[in-house]
N, C-alpha and C. Protein backbone atom coordinates (compact mmCIF):
# COMPACT_ATOMS: atom_id res chain seq x y z
N MET A 1 147.69 15.04 145.45
CA MET A 1 147.47 13.85 146.25
C MET A 1 147.31 14.28 147.71
N ALA A 2 146.25 13.86 148.33
CA ALA A 2 146.01 14.17 149.73
C ALA A 2 146.69 13.11 150.60
N ILE A 3 147.39 13.57 151.60
CA ILE A 3 148.04 12.67 152.55
C ILE A 3 147.25 12.73 153.84
N SER A 4 146.84 11.58 154.34
CA SER A 4 146.10 11.55 155.60
C SER A 4 147.02 11.10 156.72
N GLU A 5 146.66 11.47 157.91
CA GLU A 5 147.41 11.05 159.09
C GLU A 5 147.34 9.53 159.19
N PRO A 6 148.41 8.90 159.68
CA PRO A 6 148.37 7.45 159.86
C PRO A 6 147.27 7.05 160.84
N LYS A 7 146.78 5.84 160.67
CA LYS A 7 145.76 5.31 161.57
C LYS A 7 146.37 5.19 162.97
N VAL A 8 145.66 5.65 163.97
CA VAL A 8 146.13 5.54 165.35
C VAL A 8 145.89 4.12 165.83
N PRO A 9 146.95 3.47 166.36
CA PRO A 9 146.76 2.10 166.85
C PRO A 9 145.67 2.05 167.92
N GLN A 10 144.91 0.98 167.92
CA GLN A 10 143.80 0.83 168.86
C GLN A 10 144.29 0.42 170.25
N THR A 11 145.40 -0.30 170.31
CA THR A 11 145.91 -0.75 171.60
C THR A 11 147.40 -0.44 171.68
N GLU A 12 147.92 -0.46 172.89
CA GLU A 12 149.35 -0.21 173.11
C GLU A 12 150.18 -1.25 172.36
N ALA A 13 149.70 -2.48 172.27
CA ALA A 13 150.43 -3.55 171.58
C ALA A 13 150.54 -3.26 170.08
N ASP A 14 149.62 -2.47 169.52
CA ASP A 14 149.65 -2.14 168.10
C ASP A 14 150.57 -0.96 167.79
N ARG A 15 151.01 -0.25 168.81
CA ARG A 15 151.83 0.95 168.63
C ARG A 15 153.29 0.58 168.41
N SER A 16 153.90 1.16 167.39
CA SER A 16 155.31 0.88 167.12
C SER A 16 156.20 1.48 168.21
N PRO A 17 157.23 0.76 168.64
CA PRO A 17 158.15 1.29 169.64
C PRO A 17 159.24 2.18 169.02
N ILE A 18 159.26 2.28 167.70
CA ILE A 18 160.32 3.02 167.01
C ILE A 18 160.09 4.52 167.19
N ALA A 19 161.13 5.21 167.64
CA ALA A 19 161.06 6.66 167.84
C ALA A 19 162.36 7.27 167.32
N VAL A 20 162.50 7.36 166.02
CA VAL A 20 163.72 7.88 165.40
C VAL A 20 163.89 9.34 165.78
N HIS A 21 165.12 9.74 166.16
CA HIS A 21 165.35 11.14 166.52
C HIS A 21 166.34 11.86 165.61
N LYS A 22 166.95 11.17 164.67
CA LYS A 22 167.78 11.84 163.66
C LYS A 22 168.16 10.84 162.58
N LEU A 23 168.55 11.36 161.42
CA LEU A 23 169.10 10.51 160.37
C LEU A 23 170.48 10.09 160.82
N GLY A 24 170.76 8.82 160.83
CA GLY A 24 172.04 8.32 161.31
C GLY A 24 173.14 8.41 160.27
N HIS A 25 172.96 7.71 159.17
CA HIS A 25 173.98 7.75 158.12
C HIS A 25 173.39 7.25 156.80
N VAL A 26 174.13 7.52 155.73
CA VAL A 26 173.78 7.07 154.39
C VAL A 26 174.98 6.29 153.86
N VAL A 27 174.74 5.12 153.32
CA VAL A 27 175.78 4.33 152.65
C VAL A 27 175.39 4.28 151.18
N TYR A 28 176.33 4.65 150.32
CA TYR A 28 175.99 4.56 148.90
C TYR A 28 177.18 4.13 148.07
N GLU A 29 176.85 3.60 146.88
CA GLU A 29 177.86 3.05 145.99
C GLU A 29 178.42 4.13 145.09
N VAL A 30 179.75 4.05 144.87
CA VAL A 30 180.44 5.00 144.01
C VAL A 30 181.29 4.23 143.00
N SER A 31 181.61 4.88 141.89
CA SER A 31 182.37 4.19 140.84
C SER A 31 183.88 4.37 140.99
N ASP A 32 184.33 5.37 141.74
CA ASP A 32 185.76 5.65 141.90
C ASP A 32 185.97 6.15 143.32
N MET A 33 186.47 5.28 144.20
CA MET A 33 186.60 5.61 145.62
C MET A 33 187.49 6.82 145.85
N GLU A 34 188.64 6.86 145.22
CA GLU A 34 189.58 7.97 145.44
C GLU A 34 188.93 9.31 145.08
N ARG A 35 188.26 9.36 143.96
CA ARG A 35 187.59 10.59 143.51
C ARG A 35 186.49 10.98 144.49
N SER A 36 185.71 10.01 144.96
CA SER A 36 184.61 10.30 145.87
C SER A 36 185.10 10.73 147.26
N VAL A 37 186.15 10.10 147.77
CA VAL A 37 186.71 10.51 149.06
C VAL A 37 187.24 11.93 148.95
N LYS A 38 187.88 12.24 147.85
CA LYS A 38 188.38 13.61 147.64
C LYS A 38 187.22 14.61 147.65
N PHE A 39 186.12 14.29 146.99
CA PHE A 39 184.94 15.16 146.99
C PHE A 39 184.43 15.38 148.42
N TRP A 40 184.23 14.28 149.16
CA TRP A 40 183.64 14.40 150.50
C TRP A 40 184.57 15.09 151.49
N THR A 41 185.87 14.95 151.33
CA THR A 41 186.79 15.61 152.27
C THR A 41 187.13 17.03 151.83
N GLU A 42 187.43 17.23 150.56
CA GLU A 42 187.87 18.55 150.10
C GLU A 42 186.72 19.51 149.82
N VAL A 43 185.62 19.02 149.26
CA VAL A 43 184.49 19.89 148.94
C VAL A 43 183.53 20.01 150.12
N MET A 44 183.17 18.87 150.71
CA MET A 44 182.15 18.86 151.76
C MET A 44 182.71 18.99 153.17
N GLY A 45 184.02 18.87 153.35
CA GLY A 45 184.63 19.08 154.66
C GLY A 45 184.51 17.93 155.64
N PHE A 46 184.18 16.73 155.17
CA PHE A 46 184.09 15.56 156.04
C PHE A 46 185.48 15.06 156.37
N LYS A 47 185.59 14.24 157.42
CA LYS A 47 186.84 13.61 157.82
C LYS A 47 186.67 12.10 157.70
N VAL A 48 187.73 11.41 157.29
CA VAL A 48 187.70 9.95 157.22
C VAL A 48 187.83 9.41 158.64
N SER A 49 186.90 8.53 159.03
CA SER A 49 186.95 7.88 160.35
C SER A 49 187.60 6.51 160.26
N ASP A 50 187.29 5.77 159.19
CA ASP A 50 187.77 4.39 159.07
C ASP A 50 187.69 3.92 157.63
N VAL A 51 188.43 2.85 157.37
CA VAL A 51 188.32 2.08 156.13
C VAL A 51 188.25 0.63 156.58
N ASN A 52 187.22 -0.11 156.14
CA ASN A 52 187.11 -1.49 156.60
C ASN A 52 187.86 -2.44 155.67
N GLU A 53 187.81 -3.73 156.01
CA GLU A 53 188.55 -4.74 155.27
C GLU A 53 188.07 -4.92 153.84
N TRP A 54 186.89 -4.43 153.50
CA TRP A 54 186.37 -4.51 152.13
C TRP A 54 186.62 -3.22 151.35
N GLY A 55 187.28 -2.27 151.98
CA GLY A 55 187.60 -1.01 151.31
C GLY A 55 186.53 0.06 151.43
N MET A 56 185.46 -0.18 152.20
CA MET A 56 184.46 0.86 152.42
C MET A 56 185.10 1.98 153.24
N VAL A 57 184.78 3.22 152.87
CA VAL A 57 185.32 4.37 153.59
C VAL A 57 184.19 5.02 154.37
N PHE A 58 184.44 5.28 155.66
CA PHE A 58 183.47 5.87 156.56
C PHE A 58 183.90 7.30 156.88
N LEU A 59 182.98 8.26 156.65
CA LEU A 59 183.29 9.68 156.82
C LEU A 59 182.35 10.31 157.84
N ARG A 60 182.88 11.29 158.57
CA ARG A 60 182.07 11.96 159.59
C ARG A 60 182.07 13.47 159.37
N CYS A 61 181.00 14.13 159.88
CA CYS A 61 180.94 15.58 159.86
C CYS A 61 180.73 16.13 161.26
N ALA A 62 180.57 15.26 162.24
CA ALA A 62 180.40 15.65 163.63
C ALA A 62 181.02 14.55 164.49
N GLN A 63 180.41 14.26 165.64
CA GLN A 63 180.98 13.27 166.54
C GLN A 63 180.60 11.83 166.21
N ASP A 64 179.47 11.62 165.52
CA ASP A 64 179.13 10.25 165.14
C ASP A 64 180.27 9.67 164.31
N HIS A 65 180.54 8.40 164.50
CA HIS A 65 181.63 7.74 163.76
C HIS A 65 181.53 7.99 162.27
N HIS A 66 180.32 7.90 161.72
CA HIS A 66 180.14 8.18 160.29
C HIS A 66 178.75 8.70 160.00
N THR A 67 178.70 9.56 159.01
CA THR A 67 177.45 10.09 158.47
C THR A 67 177.26 9.58 157.05
N ILE A 68 178.37 9.40 156.36
CA ILE A 68 178.39 8.87 154.99
C ILE A 68 179.37 7.70 154.97
N ALA A 69 178.98 6.63 154.30
CA ALA A 69 179.91 5.53 154.03
C ALA A 69 179.85 5.27 152.53
N LEU A 70 181.02 5.06 151.96
CA LEU A 70 181.14 4.85 150.51
C LEU A 70 181.56 3.41 150.24
N LYS A 71 180.92 2.81 149.26
CA LYS A 71 181.23 1.44 148.85
C LYS A 71 181.52 1.49 147.36
N GLU A 72 182.74 1.14 146.97
CA GLU A 72 183.13 1.21 145.56
C GLU A 72 182.60 -0.01 144.80
N VAL A 73 182.01 0.26 143.65
CA VAL A 73 181.56 -0.78 142.73
C VAL A 73 182.13 -0.41 141.37
N LYS A 74 183.20 -1.07 140.99
CA LYS A 74 183.88 -0.75 139.72
C LYS A 74 183.06 -1.23 138.53
N GLY A 75 183.11 -0.46 137.48
CA GLY A 75 182.47 -0.85 136.23
C GLY A 75 180.99 -0.56 136.15
N LEU A 76 180.42 0.04 137.19
CA LEU A 76 179.00 0.36 137.16
C LEU A 76 178.81 1.87 137.28
N ASN A 77 177.72 2.35 136.72
CA ASN A 77 177.34 3.75 136.85
C ASN A 77 175.90 3.80 137.33
N ARG A 78 175.50 4.96 137.82
CA ARG A 78 174.10 5.15 138.21
C ARG A 78 173.22 4.99 136.99
N PRO A 79 172.05 4.37 137.14
CA PRO A 79 171.14 4.29 136.01
C PRO A 79 170.56 5.67 135.68
N ALA A 80 170.11 5.82 134.46
CA ALA A 80 169.47 7.07 134.06
C ALA A 80 168.22 7.28 134.90
N LYS A 81 167.82 8.54 135.07
CA LYS A 81 166.66 8.89 135.90
C LYS A 81 165.40 8.13 135.51
N ASP A 82 165.26 7.82 134.25
CA ASP A 82 164.03 7.16 133.80
C ASP A 82 164.11 5.64 133.88
N GLN A 83 165.13 5.11 134.56
CA GLN A 83 165.30 3.66 134.62
C GLN A 83 165.09 3.10 136.03
N GLY A 84 164.10 3.58 136.71
CA GLY A 84 163.77 3.02 138.01
C GLY A 84 163.92 4.00 139.15
N LEU A 85 163.55 3.56 140.32
CA LEU A 85 163.63 4.39 141.51
C LEU A 85 165.08 4.59 141.92
N GLN A 86 165.37 5.77 142.46
CA GLN A 86 166.73 6.09 142.88
C GLN A 86 166.71 6.93 144.14
N LEU A 87 167.86 7.09 144.75
CA LEU A 87 168.03 8.06 145.81
C LEU A 87 167.92 9.43 145.16
N ASP A 88 167.00 10.26 145.61
CA ASP A 88 166.83 11.58 144.99
C ASP A 88 167.95 12.53 145.40
N HIS A 89 168.17 12.70 146.69
CA HIS A 89 169.26 13.56 147.13
C HIS A 89 169.58 13.32 148.60
N MET A 90 170.74 13.82 149.00
CA MET A 90 171.15 13.84 150.40
C MET A 90 171.28 15.31 150.78
N ALA A 91 170.78 15.67 151.96
CA ALA A 91 170.82 17.07 152.38
C ALA A 91 171.55 17.20 153.71
N PHE A 92 172.33 18.27 153.82
CA PHE A 92 173.13 18.51 155.01
C PHE A 92 172.98 19.97 155.45
N ALA A 93 172.69 20.16 156.72
CA ALA A 93 172.54 21.51 157.27
C ALA A 93 173.92 22.14 157.45
N VAL A 94 174.00 23.44 157.18
CA VAL A 94 175.21 24.22 157.47
C VAL A 94 174.84 25.25 158.54
N ASP A 95 175.87 25.90 159.10
CA ASP A 95 175.66 26.74 160.27
C ASP A 95 175.12 28.14 160.00
N SER A 96 175.20 28.61 158.76
CA SER A 96 174.75 29.99 158.53
C SER A 96 174.46 30.24 157.06
N LEU A 97 173.74 31.32 156.83
CA LEU A 97 173.47 31.78 155.47
C LEU A 97 174.78 32.19 154.79
N GLU A 98 175.68 32.79 155.54
CA GLU A 98 176.98 33.19 155.00
C GLU A 98 177.75 31.98 154.47
N THR A 99 177.62 30.85 155.16
CA THR A 99 178.28 29.62 154.70
C THR A 99 177.72 29.20 153.34
N LEU A 100 176.41 29.35 153.14
CA LEU A 100 175.82 28.99 151.84
C LEU A 100 176.39 29.87 150.73
N PHE A 101 176.49 31.16 150.97
CA PHE A 101 177.05 32.06 149.95
C PHE A 101 178.51 31.69 149.65
N ALA A 102 179.29 31.42 150.69
CA ALA A 102 180.70 31.04 150.49
C ALA A 102 180.79 29.71 149.75
N ALA A 103 179.92 28.77 150.10
CA ALA A 103 179.93 27.46 149.44
C ALA A 103 179.59 27.60 147.96
N ARG A 104 178.61 28.43 147.65
CA ARG A 104 178.24 28.63 146.24
C ARG A 104 179.45 29.15 145.45
N GLU A 105 180.15 30.10 145.99
CA GLU A 105 181.32 30.65 145.29
C GLU A 105 182.41 29.59 145.15
N TYR A 106 182.62 28.79 146.18
CA TYR A 106 183.61 27.72 146.13
C TYR A 106 183.25 26.72 145.02
N LEU A 107 181.99 26.31 144.98
CA LEU A 107 181.55 25.35 143.96
C LEU A 107 181.78 25.91 142.56
N LYS A 108 181.44 27.17 142.35
CA LYS A 108 181.65 27.81 141.04
C LYS A 108 183.14 27.84 140.68
N ARG A 109 183.98 28.24 141.64
CA ARG A 109 185.44 28.32 141.38
C ARG A 109 186.03 26.96 141.02
N HIS A 110 185.44 25.91 141.54
CA HIS A 110 185.96 24.56 141.29
C HIS A 110 185.17 23.79 140.25
N ASP A 111 184.37 24.51 139.46
CA ASP A 111 183.61 23.93 138.34
C ASP A 111 182.74 22.76 138.75
N ILE A 112 182.15 22.85 139.94
CA ILE A 112 181.19 21.85 140.39
C ILE A 112 179.81 22.39 140.02
N PRO A 113 179.09 21.70 139.13
CA PRO A 113 177.83 22.24 138.63
C PRO A 113 176.76 22.41 139.71
N ILE A 114 176.22 23.61 139.81
CA ILE A 114 175.12 23.89 140.72
C ILE A 114 173.82 23.61 139.96
N VAL A 115 172.97 22.79 140.56
CA VAL A 115 171.72 22.38 139.94
C VAL A 115 170.58 23.33 140.33
N PHE A 116 170.63 23.84 141.57
CA PHE A 116 169.59 24.74 142.07
C PHE A 116 170.16 25.53 143.23
N GLU A 117 169.66 26.75 143.38
CA GLU A 117 169.93 27.53 144.59
C GLU A 117 168.69 28.35 144.88
N GLY A 118 168.43 28.57 146.16
CA GLY A 118 167.29 29.37 146.56
C GLY A 118 166.45 28.66 147.59
N ARG A 119 165.12 28.83 147.49
CA ARG A 119 164.16 28.22 148.43
C ARG A 119 163.09 27.50 147.61
N ARG A 120 162.86 26.23 147.92
CA ARG A 120 161.90 25.43 147.15
C ARG A 120 160.48 25.50 147.69
N GLY A 121 160.25 25.20 148.92
CA GLY A 121 158.88 25.14 149.44
C GLY A 121 158.83 24.59 150.84
N PRO A 122 158.13 23.46 151.07
CA PRO A 122 157.97 22.94 152.42
C PRO A 122 159.30 22.86 153.17
N GLY A 123 159.26 23.34 154.41
CA GLY A 123 160.48 23.43 155.21
C GLY A 123 161.11 24.80 155.10
N CYS A 124 160.92 25.44 153.95
CA CYS A 124 161.36 26.82 153.67
C CYS A 124 162.85 27.07 153.91
N ASN A 125 163.65 26.01 153.90
CA ASN A 125 165.09 26.18 154.04
C ASN A 125 165.66 26.77 152.75
N ILE A 126 166.73 27.53 152.90
CA ILE A 126 167.45 28.10 151.76
C ILE A 126 168.61 27.16 151.48
N GLY A 127 168.83 26.81 150.21
CA GLY A 127 169.86 25.82 149.93
C GLY A 127 170.56 25.99 148.60
N VAL A 128 171.61 25.21 148.45
CA VAL A 128 172.37 25.09 147.21
C VAL A 128 172.45 23.60 146.91
N GLU A 129 172.09 23.21 145.69
CA GLU A 129 172.12 21.81 145.28
C GLU A 129 173.14 21.62 144.17
N PHE A 130 173.90 20.54 144.24
CA PHE A 130 174.95 20.26 143.26
C PHE A 130 175.18 18.77 143.19
N LEU A 131 176.00 18.33 142.24
CA LEU A 131 176.21 16.90 142.01
C LEU A 131 177.56 16.44 142.54
N ASP A 132 177.58 15.23 143.10
CA ASP A 132 178.86 14.64 143.48
C ASP A 132 179.48 14.02 142.23
N PRO A 133 180.69 13.45 142.32
CA PRO A 133 181.34 12.93 141.11
C PRO A 133 180.59 11.84 140.36
N ASP A 134 179.69 11.10 141.04
CA ASP A 134 178.91 10.07 140.37
C ASP A 134 177.53 10.56 139.94
N GLY A 135 177.25 11.83 140.15
CA GLY A 135 175.98 12.40 139.72
C GLY A 135 174.88 12.34 140.76
N TYR A 136 175.20 12.01 142.01
CA TYR A 136 174.20 12.06 143.07
C TYR A 136 173.96 13.52 143.45
N LEU A 137 172.72 13.85 143.74
CA LEU A 137 172.37 15.21 144.11
C LEU A 137 172.62 15.43 145.59
N ILE A 138 173.39 16.48 145.90
CA ILE A 138 173.72 16.86 147.27
C ILE A 138 173.12 18.24 147.51
N GLU A 139 172.48 18.40 148.65
CA GLU A 139 171.96 19.71 149.04
C GLU A 139 172.61 20.13 150.35
N ILE A 140 173.07 21.37 150.40
CA ILE A 140 173.45 21.97 151.67
C ILE A 140 172.44 23.08 151.93
N TYR A 141 171.99 23.21 153.18
CA TYR A 141 170.91 24.15 153.45
C TYR A 141 171.10 24.81 154.81
N TRP A 142 170.34 25.89 154.98
CA TRP A 142 170.27 26.61 156.24
C TRP A 142 168.84 27.08 156.46
N GLY A 143 168.42 27.12 157.72
CA GLY A 143 167.15 27.74 158.07
C GLY A 143 165.91 26.88 157.89
N MET A 144 166.00 25.60 158.14
CA MET A 144 164.83 24.72 158.04
C MET A 144 163.80 25.12 159.09
N ASP A 145 162.52 25.24 158.68
CA ASP A 145 161.44 25.49 159.64
C ASP A 145 161.48 24.42 160.72
N GLN A 146 161.17 24.83 161.94
CA GLN A 146 161.07 23.90 163.05
C GLN A 146 159.59 23.76 163.43
N ILE A 147 159.16 22.55 163.68
CA ILE A 147 157.77 22.27 164.03
C ILE A 147 157.66 22.28 165.56
N GLY A 148 156.77 23.10 166.06
CA GLY A 148 156.58 23.21 167.51
C GLY A 148 155.67 22.14 168.07
N PRO A 149 155.38 22.25 169.36
CA PRO A 149 154.54 21.25 170.02
C PRO A 149 153.13 21.16 169.44
N ASP A 150 152.68 22.22 168.76
CA ASP A 150 151.33 22.18 168.17
C ASP A 150 151.28 21.35 166.90
N GLY A 151 152.45 20.98 166.34
CA GLY A 151 152.51 20.12 165.15
C GLY A 151 152.18 20.81 163.85
N ARG A 152 152.02 22.13 163.85
CA ARG A 152 151.64 22.87 162.64
C ARG A 152 152.84 23.17 161.77
N SER A 153 152.68 22.95 160.48
CA SER A 153 153.67 23.35 159.48
C SER A 153 153.27 24.70 158.92
N ARG A 154 154.25 25.39 158.36
CA ARG A 154 153.99 26.67 157.71
C ARG A 154 152.99 26.45 156.56
N PRO A 155 152.00 27.32 156.40
CA PRO A 155 151.06 27.18 155.28
C PRO A 155 151.74 27.48 153.95
N ALA A 156 151.28 26.83 152.91
CA ALA A 156 151.89 26.94 151.58
C ALA A 156 151.97 28.37 151.07
N GLU A 157 151.02 29.21 151.43
CA GLU A 157 151.05 30.60 150.93
C GLU A 157 152.22 31.39 151.51
N GLN A 158 152.94 30.84 152.47
CA GLN A 158 154.12 31.50 153.04
C GLN A 158 155.44 30.92 152.54
N PHE A 159 155.43 29.98 151.62
CA PHE A 159 156.67 29.32 151.19
C PHE A 159 157.69 30.28 150.58
N ARG A 160 157.24 31.25 149.80
CA ARG A 160 158.11 32.23 149.15
C ARG A 160 159.28 31.57 148.41
N ARG A 161 158.92 30.77 147.44
CA ARG A 161 159.94 30.09 146.62
C ARG A 161 160.87 31.12 145.99
N ALA A 162 162.14 30.74 145.82
CA ALA A 162 163.14 31.66 145.26
C ALA A 162 164.11 30.87 144.41
N ARG A 163 164.60 31.48 143.34
CA ARG A 163 165.51 30.81 142.39
C ARG A 163 166.96 31.26 142.55
N SER A 164 167.28 31.95 143.64
CA SER A 164 168.67 32.30 143.94
C SER A 164 168.78 32.57 145.44
N LEU A 165 169.99 32.55 145.94
CA LEU A 165 170.20 32.89 147.35
C LEU A 165 169.80 34.34 147.59
N GLU A 166 170.16 35.20 146.66
CA GLU A 166 169.83 36.62 146.80
C GLU A 166 168.32 36.84 146.86
N GLU A 167 167.57 36.16 146.00
CA GLU A 167 166.12 36.29 145.99
C GLU A 167 165.53 35.78 147.31
N ALA A 168 166.05 34.70 147.83
CA ALA A 168 165.56 34.16 149.10
C ALA A 168 165.80 35.14 150.24
N VAL A 169 166.97 35.76 150.27
CA VAL A 169 167.29 36.74 151.31
C VAL A 169 166.41 37.99 151.17
N ALA A 170 166.17 38.41 149.94
CA ALA A 170 165.37 39.61 149.68
C ALA A 170 163.89 39.40 150.02
N ASN A 171 163.45 38.15 150.11
CA ASN A 171 162.05 37.84 150.42
C ASN A 171 161.98 36.98 151.68
N PRO A 172 162.25 37.58 152.84
CA PRO A 172 162.26 36.80 154.08
C PRO A 172 160.87 36.24 154.41
N LEU A 173 160.88 35.19 155.19
CA LEU A 173 159.64 34.53 155.58
C LEU A 173 159.02 35.20 156.79
N PRO A 174 157.70 35.13 156.91
CA PRO A 174 157.07 35.58 158.15
C PRO A 174 157.61 34.74 159.31
N GLU A 175 157.85 35.38 160.45
CA GLU A 175 158.40 34.63 161.59
C GLU A 175 157.39 33.72 162.24
N ARG A 176 156.10 34.03 162.11
CA ARG A 176 155.06 33.22 162.73
C ARG A 176 154.08 32.71 161.66
N TRP A 177 153.48 31.57 161.96
CA TRP A 177 152.45 31.02 161.08
C TRP A 177 151.42 30.27 161.88
């Protein structure tokens, strides 16, 4: 499928004033609040910022009040993948490649199933993907390509897909494109 650039507005009045500069937060439903809070604090290293009057739990990983908010819905589970559109995954940057290796070992020691590790393609970040207690896909990654003022993305022939952290490290990316 070819993706074309959006149509350029003809007048200033047609131009959107929205200029998003970062992902603010994700709110999602969970089936067991205690289990999910334990996952986000013990596995992912988040801190609880607040609990509101409806029992929603707000968690942070930096200075923003919350990056993740959890809303418990008892008696429901996520629908099967073939039963409609869903949130595909949530991704979080970590500070180093060493953190990814340590995280992978931690996940294995705690029997948290790893779904994928390595490098997929566009963005060329190296990551580890795993499931939260309700089966949502979580990705932690390092080394996302940065787009410069010229707006150019890395060409596909430089993606160097990899199926493990070791393979990704052994096949470094060209520094320029």
